[in-house]
């Protein structure tokens, strides 16, 4: 029986805005053209194109708050962790493509829909002490619930020793850290390999970690590190859009996590909007099923409605201490 989005509390762990009204001030830098004409890049075509019919879903060139809310409404997403995009390297470390103030404005306008995820990086480039100061302001004074580390644009990997005071502060303030892991469109992919989480979690076993993007293409490595460290949760953002067209690929990804981690309680839904369509991302999970041959041949457990509810929103709400409406509990 087809599953309906209305039957689940849906909470997105990663969505971005980068409005043109602000971004135009760095539009003279050549690298910014990627965001003005995303369909012209190879990544834009791959991310949103049906590989069989070649039907293409364009990414919007203007990543606005209202565009995000419209996408959430169409997809049935109740809440989203929204964060700025830095991409500071596009302006040769001059100006980011959006700021945390955009997130503050979004939280004020849509307090029931938008959850603040701070991005105070690139941490090493700006200085970790300075990043910590902004982190404290955003979480203490403005109610942000989580923070992101995007190391591909930084001066070193996210397990660089200079980053450890930042993680210590996050433990002190009980701030979950969302890490970009695996593939990166720009910058240094070696800075965000999932294996780098190992010594972070050895040093900070109380740090709440979400590893974005299934760690793809190092997903098995991420699963192994998450088996070793129970403080790691695996984020599905960015991959659900393209894997909407590849349901067996998604079944393998989710089945592998559930097999090694013993269930669905450490998987969280995400879109990475607008890099992946919100409606396709939700539908990919609603469509998710575990064929009998994958259960018998690979040891993957079947997917229940309880598993879908966990993945789509309940796990993330628990991690961030967000109340879930009574009808979804």
C-alpha atoms as a PDB file:
ATOM      1  CA  UNK A   1       0.000   0.000   0.000  1.00  0.00           C
ATOM      2  CA  UNK A   2       1.426   3.423  -0.943  1.00  0.00           C
ATOM      3  CA  UNK A   3       2.514   5.530   2.007  1.00  0.00           C
ATOM      4  CA  UNK A   4       1.212   9.068   2.411  1.00  0.00           C
ATOM      5  CA  UNK A   5       3.373  11.993   3.492  1.00  0.00           C
ATOM      6  CA  UNK A   6       0.502  13.237   5.671  1.00  0.00           C
ATOM      7  CA  UNK A   7       0.915  10.179   7.906  1.00  0.00           C
ATOM      8  CA  UNK A   8       4.420  11.133   9.052  1.00  0.00           C
ATOM      9  CA  UNK A   9       6.160  13.949  10.890  1.00  0.00           C
ATOM     10  CA  UNK A  10       8.852  15.024   8.423  1.00  0.00           C
ATOM     11  CA  UNK A  11      11.895  16.942   9.619  1.00  0.00           C
ATOM     12  CA  UNK A  12      14.663  17.948   7.196  1.00  0.00           C
ATOM     13  CA  UNK A  13      18.197  17.902   8.632  1.00  0.00           C
ATOM     14  CA  UNK A  14      19.689  20.136   5.907  1.00  0.00           C
ATOM     15  CA  UNK A  15      18.249  22.946   3.812  1.00  0.00           C
ATOM     16  CA  UNK A  16      19.972  26.088   2.545  1.00  0.00           C
ATOM     17  CA  UNK A  17      19.115  29.585   1.443  1.00  0.00           C
ATOM     18  CA  UNK A  18      21.349  31.882  -0.538  1.00  0.00           C
ATOM     19  CA  UNK A  19      19.205  34.739  -1.858  1.00  0.00           C
ATOM     20  CA  UNK A  20      20.293  36.687  -4.917  1.00  0.00           C
ATOM     21  CA  UNK A  21      19.636  39.986  -3.153  1.00  0.00           C
ATOM     22  CA  UNK A  22      22.666  39.232  -0.995  1.00  0.00           C
ATOM     23  CA  UNK A  23      24.617  37.010  -3.379  1.00  0.00           C
ATOM     24  CA  UNK A  24      24.642  39.669  -6.101  1.00  0.00           C
ATOM     25  CA  UNK A  25      27.334  41.477  -4.142  1.00  0.00           C
ATOM     26  CA  UNK A  26      29.766  38.660  -4.971  1.00  0.00           C
ATOM     27  CA  UNK A  27      28.369  37.946  -8.440  1.00  0.00           C
ATOM     28  CA  UNK A  28      31.365  39.489 -10.171  1.00  0.00           C
ATOM     29  CA  UNK A  29      33.514  36.572  -9.017  1.00  0.00           C
ATOM     30  CA  UNK A  30      33.588  33.924 -11.777  1.00  0.00           C
ATOM     31  CA  UNK A  31      32.827  31.046  -9.401  1.00  0.00           C
ATOM     32  CA  UNK A  32      29.468  32.515  -8.423  1.00  0.00           C
ATOM     33  CA  UNK A  33      28.108  31.754 -11.911  1.00  0.00           C
ATOM     34  CA  UNK A  34      27.541  28.164 -10.782  1.00  0.00           C
ATOM     35  CA  UNK A  35      24.667  29.308  -8.576  1.00  0.00           C
ATOM     36  CA  UNK A  36      23.179  31.646 -11.149  1.00  0.00           C
ATOM     37  CA  UNK A  37      23.033  28.964 -13.867  1.00  0.00           C
ATOM     38  CA  UNK A  38      23.100  25.648 -11.977  1.00  0.00           C
ATOM     39  CA  UNK A  39      21.663  23.597 -14.838  1.00  0.00           C
ATOM     40  CA  UNK A  40      24.738  24.346 -16.943  1.00  0.00           C
ATOM     41  CA  UNK A  41      27.062  22.494 -14.575  1.00  0.00           C
ATOM     42  CA  UNK A  42      27.604  18.730 -14.872  1.00  0.00           C
ATOM     43  CA  UNK A  43      26.689  18.358 -11.209  1.00  0.00           C
ATOM     44  CA  UNK A  44      23.391  20.185 -11.682  1.00  0.00           C
ATOM     45  CA  UNK A  45      22.402  17.874 -14.521  1.00  0.00           C
ATOM     46  CA  UNK A  46      23.365  14.703 -12.650  1.00  0.00           C
ATOM     47  CA  UNK A  47      21.703  15.698  -9.393  1.00  0.00           C
ATOM     48  CA  UNK A  48      18.253  16.312 -10.835  1.00  0.00           C
ATOM     49  CA  UNK A  49      18.013  14.252 -14.013  1.00  0.00           C
ATOM     50  CA  UNK A  50      16.119  11.006 -14.559  1.00  0.00           C
ATOM     51  CA  UNK A  51      18.847   8.733 -15.999  1.00  0.00           C
ATOM     52  CA  UNK A  52      16.326   6.786 -18.101  1.00  0.00           C
ATOM     53  CA  UNK A  53      14.003   9.442 -19.541  1.00  0.00           C
ATOM     54  CA  UNK A  54      16.530  12.318 -19.244  1.00  0.00           C
ATOM     55  CA  UNK A  55      13.780  14.469 -17.736  1.00  0.00           C
ATOM     56  CA  UNK A  56      15.531  17.199 -15.799  1.00  0.00           C
ATOM     57  CA  UNK A  57      14.536  18.932 -12.584  1.00  0.00           C
ATOM     58  CA  UNK A  58      16.215  22.316 -12.529  1.00  0.00           C
ATOM     59  CA  UNK A  59      17.695  23.679  -9.339  1.00  0.00           C
ATOM     60  CA  UNK A  60      16.461  27.209  -8.640  1.00  0.00           C
ATOM     61  CA  UNK A  61      19.037  29.897  -9.286  1.00  0.00           C
ATOM     62  CA  UNK A  62      17.697  32.006  -6.390  1.00  0.00           C
ATOM     63  CA  UNK A  63      17.722  30.065  -3.121  1.00  0.00           C
ATOM     64  CA  UNK A  64      15.212  32.106  -1.117  1.00  0.00           C
ATOM     65  CA  UNK A  65      13.382  31.489   2.136  1.00  0.00           C
ATOM     66  CA  UNK A  66      10.010  31.600   0.390  1.00  0.00           C
ATOM     67  CA  UNK A  67      11.291  29.124  -2.177  1.00  0.00           C
ATOM     68  CA  UNK A  68      12.289  26.792   0.640  1.00  0.00           C
ATOM     69  CA  UNK A  69       8.924  27.105   2.380  1.00  0.00           C
ATOM     70  CA  UNK A  70       7.095  26.416  -0.901  1.00  0.00           C
ATOM     71  CA  UNK A  71       9.241  23.321  -1.463  1.00  0.00           C
ATOM     72  CA  UNK A  72       8.553  22.145   2.094  1.00  0.00           C
ATOM     73  CA  UNK A  73       4.810  22.626   1.628  1.00  0.00           C
ATOM     74  CA  UNK A  74       4.766  20.685  -1.627  1.00  0.00           C
ATOM     75  CA  UNK A  75       6.814  17.854  -0.125  1.00  0.00           C
ATOM     76  CA  UNK A  76       4.924  17.697   3.171  1.00  0.00           C
ATOM     77  CA  UNK A  77       7.933  18.679   5.285  1.00  0.00           C
ATOM     78  CA  UNK A  78       6.936  20.009   8.705  1.00  0.00           C
ATOM     79  CA  UNK A  79      10.265  21.480   9.851  1.00  0.00           C
ATOM     80  CA  UNK A  80      13.718  22.037   8.404  1.00  0.00           C
ATOM     81  CA  UNK A  81      17.143  22.737   9.850  1.00  0.00           C
ATOM     82  CA  UNK A  82      18.114  25.741   7.770  1.00  0.00           C
ATOM     83  CA  UNK A  83      21.646  27.027   7.393  1.00  0.00           C
ATOM     84  CA  UNK A  84      23.626  29.533   5.424  1.00  0.00           C
ATOM     85  CA  UNK A  85      25.947  28.638   2.592  1.00  0.00           C
ATOM     86  CA  UNK A  86      29.446  30.011   2.917  1.00  0.00           C
ATOM     87  CA  UNK A  87      31.291  28.959  -0.256  1.00  0.00           C
ATOM     88  CA  UNK A  88      33.793  31.575   0.823  1.00  0.00           C
ATOM     89  CA  UNK A  89      36.381  30.237  -1.594  1.00  0.00           C
ATOM     90  CA  UNK A  90      34.291  31.445  -4.552  1.00  0.00           C
ATOM     91  CA  UNK A  91      35.182  35.014  -3.569  1.00  0.00           C
ATOM     92  CA  UNK A  92      38.778  34.107  -2.707  1.00  0.00           C
ATOM     93  CA  UNK A  93      37.887  34.165   1.011  1.00  0.00           C
ATOM     94  CA  UNK A  94      36.352  37.623   0.674  1.00  0.00           C
ATOM     95  CA  UNK A  95      32.600  37.360   1.281  1.00  0.00           C
ATOM     96  CA  UNK A  96      30.299  34.370   1.934  1.00  0.00           C
ATOM     97  CA  UNK A  97      27.269  33.671  -0.239  1.00  0.00           C
ATOM     98  CA  UNK A  98      24.863  34.054   2.704  1.00  0.00           C
ATOM     99  CA  UNK A  99      25.081  34.670   6.442  1.00  0.00           C
ATOM    100  CA  UNK A 100      23.633  33.366   9.681  1.00  0.00           C
ATOM    101  CA  UNK A 101      21.464  36.471   9.794  1.00  0.00           C
ATOM    102  CA  UNK A 102      19.435  34.993   6.922  1.00  0.00           C
ATOM    103  CA  UNK A 103      18.712  32.050   9.213  1.00  0.00           C
ATOM    104  CA  UNK A 104      17.795  34.344  12.117  1.00  0.00           C
ATOM    105  CA  UNK A 105      15.290  36.140   9.869  1.00  0.00           C
ATOM    106  CA  UNK A 106      13.833  32.821   8.726  1.00  0.00           C
ATOM    107  CA  UNK A 107      13.429  31.591  12.309  1.00  0.00           C
ATOM    108  CA  UNK A 108      11.657  34.822  13.250  1.00  0.00           C
ATOM    109  CA  UNK A 109       9.277  34.674  10.275  1.00  0.00           C
ATOM    110  CA  UNK A 110       8.525  30.941  10.444  1.00  0.00           C
ATOM    111  CA  UNK A 111       9.197  29.877  14.054  1.00  0.00           C
ATOM    112  CA  UNK A 112       7.150  26.686  13.664  1.00  0.00           C
ATOM    113  CA  UNK A 113       8.874  25.609  10.450  1.00  0.00           C
ATOM    114  CA  UNK A 114      12.522  26.708  10.593  1.00  0.00           C
ATOM    115  CA  UNK A 115      15.091  25.380  13.071  1.00  0.00           C
ATOM    116  CA  UNK A 116      18.387  27.241  13.164  1.00  0.00           C
ATOM    117  CA  UNK A 117      21.529  25.338  12.174  1.00  0.00           C
ATOM    118  CA  UNK A 118      24.533  27.617  12.541  1.00  0.00           C
ATOM    119  CA  UNK A 119      27.438  27.659  10.116  1.00  0.00           C
ATOM    120  CA  UNK A 120      30.318  29.567  11.647  1.00  0.00           C
ATOM    121  CA  UNK A 121      32.970  28.238   9.278  1.00  0.00           C
ATOM    122  CA  UNK A 122      35.299  27.933   7.582  1.00  0.00           C
ATOM    123  CA  UNK A 123      36.611  27.458  11.084  1.00  0.00           C
ATOM    124  CA  UNK A 124      40.342  27.110  10.519  1.00  0.00           C
ATOM    125  CA  UNK A 125      40.533  29.939   8.002  1.00  0.00           C
ATOM    126  CA  UNK A 126      38.765  32.469  10.189  1.00  0.00           C
ATOM    127  CA  UNK A 127      40.269  31.131  13.451  1.00  0.00           C
ATOM    128  CA  UNK A 128      38.523  28.644  15.725  1.00  0.00           C
ATOM    129  CA  UNK A 129      38.332  31.108  18.632  1.00  0.00           C
ATOM    130  CA  UNK A 130      36.384  33.506  16.416  1.00  0.00           C
ATOM    131  CA  UNK A 131      34.097  30.698  15.247  1.00  0.00           C
ATOM    132  CA  UNK A 132      33.393  29.751  18.864  1.00  0.00           C
ATOM    133  CA  UNK A 133      32.447  33.337  19.706  1.00  0.00           C
ATOM    134  CA  UNK A 134      29.848  33.444  16.927  1.00  0.00           C
ATOM    135  CA  UNK A 135      28.612  29.968  17.884  1.00  0.00           C
ATOM    136  CA  UNK A 136      27.981  31.114  21.450  1.00  0.00           C
ATOM    137  CA  UNK A 137      26.022  34.162  20.303  1.00  0.00           C
ATOM    138  CA  UNK A 138      23.819  32.264  17.877  1.00  0.00           C
ATOM    139  CA  UNK A 139      22.989  29.408  20.237  1.00  0.00           C
ATOM    140  CA  UNK A 140      22.771  31.386  23.474  1.00  0.00           C
ATOM    141  CA  UNK A 141      20.936  34.458  22.204  1.00  0.00           C
ATOM    142  CA  UNK A 142      19.032  33.282  19.122  1.00  0.00           C
ATOM    143  CA  UNK A 143      18.061  29.702  19.874  1.00  0.00           C
ATOM    144  CA  UNK A 144      19.989  27.817  17.197  1.00  0.00           C
ATOM    145  CA  UNK A 145      19.777  24.054  17.776  1.00  0.00           C
ATOM    146  CA  UNK A 146      22.697  22.554  15.834  1.00  0.00           C
ATOM    147  CA  UNK A 147      25.788  23.577  13.893  1.00  0.00           C
ATOM    148  CA  UNK A 148      27.460  22.452  10.671  1.00  0.00           C
ATOM    149  CA  UNK A 149      31.106  21.816   9.831  1.00  0.00           C
ATOM    150  CA  UNK A 150      31.883  22.016   6.109  1.00  0.00           C
ATOM    151  CA  UNK A 151      35.580  21.262   5.843  1.00  0.00           C
ATOM    152  CA  UNK A 152      36.068  20.999   2.034  1.00  0.00           C
ATOM    153  CA  UNK A 153      36.370  24.804   1.871  1.00  0.00           C
ATOM    154  CA  UNK A 154      38.532  25.050   4.994  1.00  0.00           C
ATOM    155  CA  UNK A 155      42.290  24.977   5.549  1.00  0.00           C
ATOM    156  CA  UNK A 156      42.334  21.395   6.808  1.00  0.00           C
ATOM    157  CA  UNK A 157      40.247  18.338   7.734  1.00  0.00           C
ATOM    158  CA  UNK A 158      37.528  18.399  10.355  1.00  0.00           C
ATOM    159  CA  UNK A 159      39.685  16.301  12.705  1.00  0.00           C
ATOM    160  CA  UNK A 160      42.460  18.904  12.665  1.00  0.00           C
ATOM    161  CA  UNK A 161      43.728  19.374  16.249  1.00  0.00           C
ATOM    162  CA  UNK A 162      42.864  23.071  16.136  1.00  0.00           C
ATOM    163  CA  UNK A 163      39.180  22.089  15.740  1.00  0.00           C
ATOM    164  CA  UNK A 164      39.060  20.261  19.068  1.00  0.00           C
ATOM    165  CA  UNK A 165      38.266  23.359  21.195  1.00  0.00           C
ATOM    166  CA  UNK A 166      35.243  23.889  18.942  1.00  0.00           C
ATOM    167  CA  UNK A 167      33.979  20.370  19.619  1.00  0.00           C
ATOM    168  CA  UNK A 168      34.682  20.820  23.318  1.00  0.00           C
ATOM    169  CA  UNK A 169      32.479  23.922  23.305  1.00  0.00           C
ATOM    170  CA  UNK A 170      29.726  22.022  21.454  1.00  0.00           C
ATOM    171  CA  UNK A 171      29.792  19.300  24.125  1.00  0.00           C
ATOM    172  CA  UNK A 172      29.666  21.966  26.851  1.00  0.00           C
ATOM    173  CA  UNK A 173      26.651  23.681  25.231  1.00  0.00           C
ATOM    174  CA  UNK A 174      25.005  20.407  24.107  1.00  0.00           C
ATOM    175  CA  UNK A 175      25.095  21.425  20.441  1.00  0.00           C
ATOM    176  CA  UNK A 176      24.861  18.578  17.899  1.00  0.00           C
ATOM    177  CA  UNK A 177      27.446  18.931  15.117  1.00  0.00           C
ATOM    178  CA  UNK A 178      26.402  18.142  11.551  1.00  0.00           C
ATOM    179  CA  UNK A 179      29.387  17.160   9.388  1.00  0.00           C
ATOM    180  CA  UNK A 180      29.588  17.163   5.621  1.00  0.00           C
ATOM    181  CA  UNK A 181      31.051  13.726   4.848  1.00  0.00           C
ATOM    182  CA  UNK A 182      32.017  11.995   1.602  1.00  0.00           C
ATOM    183  CA  UNK A 183      31.688  13.603  -1.807  1.00  0.00           C
ATOM    184  CA  UNK A 184      32.132  17.372  -2.124  1.00  0.00           C
ATOM    185  CA  UNK A 185      31.237  19.495  -5.148  1.00  0.00           C
ATOM    186  CA  UNK A 186      34.103  21.883  -4.551  1.00  0.00           C
ATOM    187  CA  UNK A 187      37.143  21.868  -2.315  1.00  0.00           C
ATOM    188  CA  UNK A 188      39.031  19.048  -0.669  1.00  0.00           C
ATOM    189  CA  UNK A 189      37.209  15.732  -0.392  1.00  0.00           C
ATOM    190  CA  UNK A 190      40.015  14.282   1.727  1.00  0.00           C
ATOM    191  CA  UNK A 191      39.084  16.808   4.437  1.00  0.00           C
ATOM    192  CA  UNK A 192      35.690  15.155   4.995  1.00  0.00           C
ATOM    193  CA  UNK A 193      36.334  11.408   4.760  1.00  0.00           C
ATOM    194  CA  UNK A 194      34.142   9.591   7.318  1.00  0.00           C
ATOM    195  CA  UNK A 195      37.137   7.814   8.874  1.00  0.00           C
ATOM    196  CA  UNK A 196      38.193  11.202  10.271  1.00  0.00           C
ATOM    197  CA  UNK A 197      35.244  11.051  12.669  1.00  0.00           C
ATOM    198  CA  UNK A 198      36.935   8.225  14.540  1.00  0.00           C
ATOM    199  CA  UNK A 199      39.462  10.217  16.540  1.00  0.00           C
ATOM    200  CA  UNK A 200      36.931  13.023  17.096  1.00  0.00           C
ATOM    201  CA  UNK A 201      34.542  10.549  18.712  1.00  0.00           C
ATOM    202  CA  UNK A 202      37.339   8.837  20.634  1.00  0.00           C
ATOM    203  CA  UNK A 203      38.168  12.220  22.160  1.00  0.00           C
ATOM    204  CA  UNK A 204      34.566  13.435  22.513  1.00  0.00           C
ATOM    205  CA  UNK A 205      32.286  10.417  23.077  1.00  0.00           C
ATOM    206  CA  UNK A 206      29.507  12.734  24.302  1.00  0.00           C
ATOM    207  CA  UNK A 207      29.525  14.878  21.144  1.00  0.00           C
ATOM    208  CA  UNK A 208      26.299  14.448  19.174  1.00  0.00           C
ATOM    209  CA  UNK A 209      27.337  13.848  15.563  1.00  0.00           C
ATOM    210  CA  UNK A 210      25.276  13.740  12.374  1.00  0.00           C
ATOM    211  CA  UNK A 211      27.238  12.675   9.282  1.00  0.00           C
ATOM    212  CA  UNK A 212      25.543  14.030   6.166  1.00  0.00           C
ATOM    213  CA  UNK A 213      25.068  12.307   2.810  1.00  0.00           C
ATOM    214  CA  UNK A 214      25.431   8.680   3.987  1.00  0.00           C
ATOM    215  CA  UNK A 215      29.182   9.442   3.789  1.00  0.00           C
ATOM    216  CA  UNK A 216      28.902   8.513   0.110  1.00  0.00           C
ATOM    217  CA  UNK A 217      30.948   7.149  -1.578  1.00  0.00           C
ATOM    218  CA  UNK A 218      32.612   5.972   1.646  1.00  0.00           C
ATOM    219  CA  UNK A 219      29.316   4.741   3.089  1.00  0.00           C
ATOM    220  CA  UNK A 220      30.637   1.422   4.394  1.00  0.00           C
ATOM    221  CA  UNK A 221      33.392   3.257   6.225  1.00  0.00           C
ATOM    222  CA  UNK A 222      30.879   5.592   7.835  1.00  0.00           C
ATOM    223  CA  UNK A 223      28.707   2.640   8.864  1.00  0.00           C
ATOM    224  CA  UNK A 224      31.695   0.970  10.505  1.00  0.00           C
ATOM    225  CA  UNK A 225      32.683   4.148  12.365  1.00  0.00           C
ATOM    226  CA  UNK A 226      29.049   4.600  13.481  1.00  0.00           C
ATOM    227  CA  UNK A 227      28.974   1.000  14.735  1.00  0.00           C
ATOM    228  CA  UNK A 228      32.037   1.797  16.837  1.00  0.00           C
ATOM    229  CA  UNK A 229      30.694   5.135  18.100  1.00  0.00           C
ATOM    230  CA  UNK A 230      27.057   5.265  19.192  1.00  0.00           C
ATOM    231  CA  UNK A 231      27.092   9.067  19.215  1.00  0.00           C
ATOM    232  CA  UNK A 232      27.071   9.110  15.378  1.00  0.00           C
ATOM    233  CA  UNK A 233      23.810   9.470  13.453  1.00  0.00           C
ATOM    234  CA  UNK A 234      23.753   9.051   9.683  1.00  0.00           C
ATOM    235  CA  UNK A 235      22.129  11.814   7.603  1.00  0.00           C
ATOM    236  CA  UNK A 236      20.400  10.966   4.329  1.00  0.00           C
ATOM    237  CA  UNK A 237      20.480  14.471   2.864  1.00  0.00           C
ATOM    238  CA  UNK A 238      21.666  15.098  -0.665  1.00  0.00           C
ATOM    239  CA  UNK A 239      21.350  11.475  -1.747  1.00  0.00           C
ATOM    240  CA  UNK A 240      17.594  10.921  -1.585  1.00  0.00           C
ATOM    241  CA  UNK A 241      16.966  13.134  -4.623  1.00  0.00           C
ATOM    242  CA  UNK A 242      19.151  11.201  -7.081  1.00  0.00           C
ATOM    243  CA  UNK A 243      18.330   7.861  -5.443  1.00  0.00           C
ATOM    244  CA  UNK A 244      14.633   8.522  -5.947  1.00  0.00           C
ATOM    245  CA  UNK A 245      15.491   7.301  -9.451  1.00  0.00           C
ATOM    246  CA  UNK A 246      17.505   4.364  -8.065  1.00  0.00           C
ATOM    247  CA  UNK A 247      15.350   2.672  -5.404  1.00  0.00           C
ATOM    248  CA  UNK A 248      17.584  -0.406  -5.164  1.00  0.00           C
ATOM    249  CA  UNK A 249      20.586   1.834  -4.501  1.00  0.00           C
ATOM    250  CA  UNK A 250      18.668   3.480  -1.663  1.00  0.00           C
ATOM    251  CA  UNK A 251      17.517   0.100  -0.361  1.00  0.00           C
ATOM    252  CA  UNK A 252      21.142  -1.046  -0.200  1.00  0.00           C
ATOM    253  CA  UNK A 253      22.229   2.183   1.535  1.00  0.00           C
ATOM    254  CA  UNK A 254      19.493   2.059   4.173  1.00  0.00           C
ATOM    255  CA  UNK A 255      19.672  -1.722   4.519  1.00  0.00           C
ATOM    256  CA  UNK A 256      23.413  -1.577   5.167  1.00  0.00           C
ATOM    257  CA  UNK A 257      22.929   1.002   7.925  1.00  0.00           C
ATOM    258  CA  UNK A 258      20.090  -0.924   9.547  1.00  0.00           C
ATOM    259  CA  UNK A 259      22.023  -4.190   9.323  1.00  0.00           C
ATOM    260  CA  UNK A 260      25.196  -2.967  11.003  1.00  0.00           C
ATOM    261  CA  UNK A 261      23.573  -0.520  13.465  1.00  0.00           C
ATOM    262  CA  UNK A 262      20.703  -2.815  14.415  1.00  0.00           C
ATOM    263  CA  UNK A 263      17.760  -0.742  13.231  1.00  0.00           C
ATOM    264  CA  UNK A 264      16.570   2.641  12.014  1.00  0.00           C
ATOM    265  CA  UNK A 265      17.078   4.776  15.114  1.00  0.00           C
ATOM    266  CA  UNK A 266      20.268   6.449  13.825  1.00  0.00           C
ATOM    267  CA  UNK A 267      19.083   7.550  10.393  1.00  0.00           C
ATOM    268  CA  UNK A 268      17.728  11.048   9.739  1.00  0.00           C
ATOM    269  CA  UNK A 269      15.975  12.405   6.669  1.00  0.00           C
ATOM    270  CA  UNK A 270      17.302  15.386   4.756  1.00  0.00           C
ATOM    271  CA  UNK A 271      17.019  17.102   1.397  1.00  0.00           C
ATOM    272  CA  UNK A 272      20.063  19.382   1.031  1.00  0.00           C
ATOM    273  CA  UNK A 273      17.568  21.713  -0.688  1.00  0.00           C
ATOM    274  CA  UNK A 274      17.864  22.978  -3.336  1.00  0.00           C
ATOM    275  CA  UNK A 275      20.635  20.608  -4.421  1.00  0.00           C
ATOM    276  CA  UNK A 276      18.033  17.822  -4.387  1.00  0.00           C
ATOM    277  CA  UNK A 277      14.267  18.267  -4.855  1.00  0.00           C
ATOM    278  CA  UNK A 278      12.353  18.158  -1.578  1.00  0.00           C
ATOM    279  CA  UNK A 279       9.372  16.251  -2.982  1.00  0.00           C
ATOM    280  CA  UNK A 280      11.542  13.550  -4.556  1.00  0.00           C
ATOM    281  CA  UNK A 281      13.523  13.211  -1.330  1.00  0.00           C
ATOM    282  CA  UNK A 282      10.378  12.605   0.739  1.00  0.00           C
ATOM    283  CA  UNK A 283       8.882  10.275  -1.837  1.00  0.00           C
ATOM    284  CA  UNK A 284      12.070   8.215  -1.970  1.00  0.00           C
ATOM    285  CA  UNK A 285      11.609   7.311   1.701  1.00  0.00           C
ATOM    286  CA  UNK A 286       7.866   6.756   1.335  1.00  0.00           C
ATOM    287  CA  UNK A 287       8.575   4.385  -1.573  1.00  0.00           C
ATOM    288  CA  UNK A 288      11.388   2.628   0.282  1.00  0.00           C
ATOM    289  CA  UNK A 289      10.910  -1.122   0.488  1.00  0.00           C
ATOM    290  CA  UNK A 290      13.247  -4.038   1.138  1.00  0.00           C
ATOM    291  CA  UNK A 291      12.810  -6.758  -1.487  1.00  0.00           C
ATOM    292  CA  UNK A 292      12.932 -10.322  -0.253  1.00  0.00           C
ATOM    293  CA  UNK A 293      16.100 -11.118  -2.216  1.00  0.00           C
ATOM    294  CA  UNK A 294      17.950  -8.294  -0.431  1.00  0.00           C
ATOM    295  CA  UNK A 295      16.686  -9.552   2.918  1.00  0.00           C
ATOM    296  CA  UNK A 296      17.823 -13.114   2.238  1.00  0.00           C
ATOM    297  CA  UNK A 297      20.964 -12.357   0.280  1.00  0.00           C
ATOM    298  CA  UNK A 298      22.270  -9.309   2.124  1.00  0.00           C
ATOM    299  CA  UNK A 299      20.783  -9.660   5.596  1.00  0.00           C
ATOM    300  CA  UNK A 300      18.839  -6.419   5.388  1.00  0.00           C
ATOM    301  CA  UNK A 301      15.769  -6.130   7.624  1.00  0.00           C
ATOM    302  CA  UNK A 302      12.340  -5.272   6.197  1.00  0.00           C
ATOM    303  CA  UNK A 303      11.249  -1.609   6.264  1.00  0.00           C
ATOM    304  CA  UNK A 304       8.268  -0.934   8.535  1.00  0.00           C
ATOM    305  CA  UNK A 305       6.166   2.192   8.973  1.00  0.00           C
ATOM    306  CA  UNK A 306       7.899   2.623  12.316  1.00  0.00           C
ATOM    307  CA  UNK A 307      11.237   2.702  10.486  1.00  0.00           C
ATOM    308  CA  UNK A 308       9.906   5.310   8.043  1.00  0.00           C
ATOM    309  CA  UNK A 309       8.607   7.426  10.910  1.00  0.00           C
ATOM    310  CA  UNK A 310      11.987   7.218  12.648  1.00  0.00           C
ATOM    311  CA  UNK A 311      13.906   8.211   9.530  1.00  0.00           C
ATOM    312  CA  UNK A 312      11.537  10.917   8.334  1.00  0.00           C
ATOM    313  CA  UNK A 313      11.425  12.911  11.532  1.00  0.00           C
ATOM    314  CA  UNK A 314      11.215  11.251  14.929  1.00  0.00           C
ATOM    315  CA  UNK A 315      14.947  10.541  15.253  1.00  0.00           C
ATOM    316  CA  UNK A 316      15.974  14.103  14.442  1.00  0.00           C
ATOM    317  CA  UNK A 317      13.325  15.579  16.727  1.00  0.00           C
ATOM    318  CA  UNK A 318      14.658  13.468  19.597  1.00  0.00           C
ATOM    319  CA  UNK A 319      18.248  14.456  18.858  1.00  0.00           C
ATOM    320  CA  UNK A 320      17.399  18.175  18.859  1.00  0.00           C
ATOM    321  CA  UNK A 321      14.788  18.055  21.651  1.00  0.00           C
ATOM    322  CA  UNK A 322      12.013  19.244  19.328  1.00  0.00           C
ATOM    323  CA  UNK A 323       8.403  18.545  20.311  1.00  0.00           C
ATOM    324  CA  UNK A 324       6.506  16.295  17.897  1.00  0.00           C
ATOM    325  CA  UNK A 325       2.749  16.814  17.490  1.00  0.00           C
ATOM    326  CA  UNK A 326       0.717  14.288  19.433  1.00  0.00           C
ATOM    327  CA  UNK A 327      -0.797  12.624  16.372  1.00  0.00           C
ATOM    328  CA  UNK A 328       2.640  11.523  15.128  1.00  0.00           C
ATOM    329  CA  UNK A 329       3.883   9.980  18.379  1.00  0.00           C
END
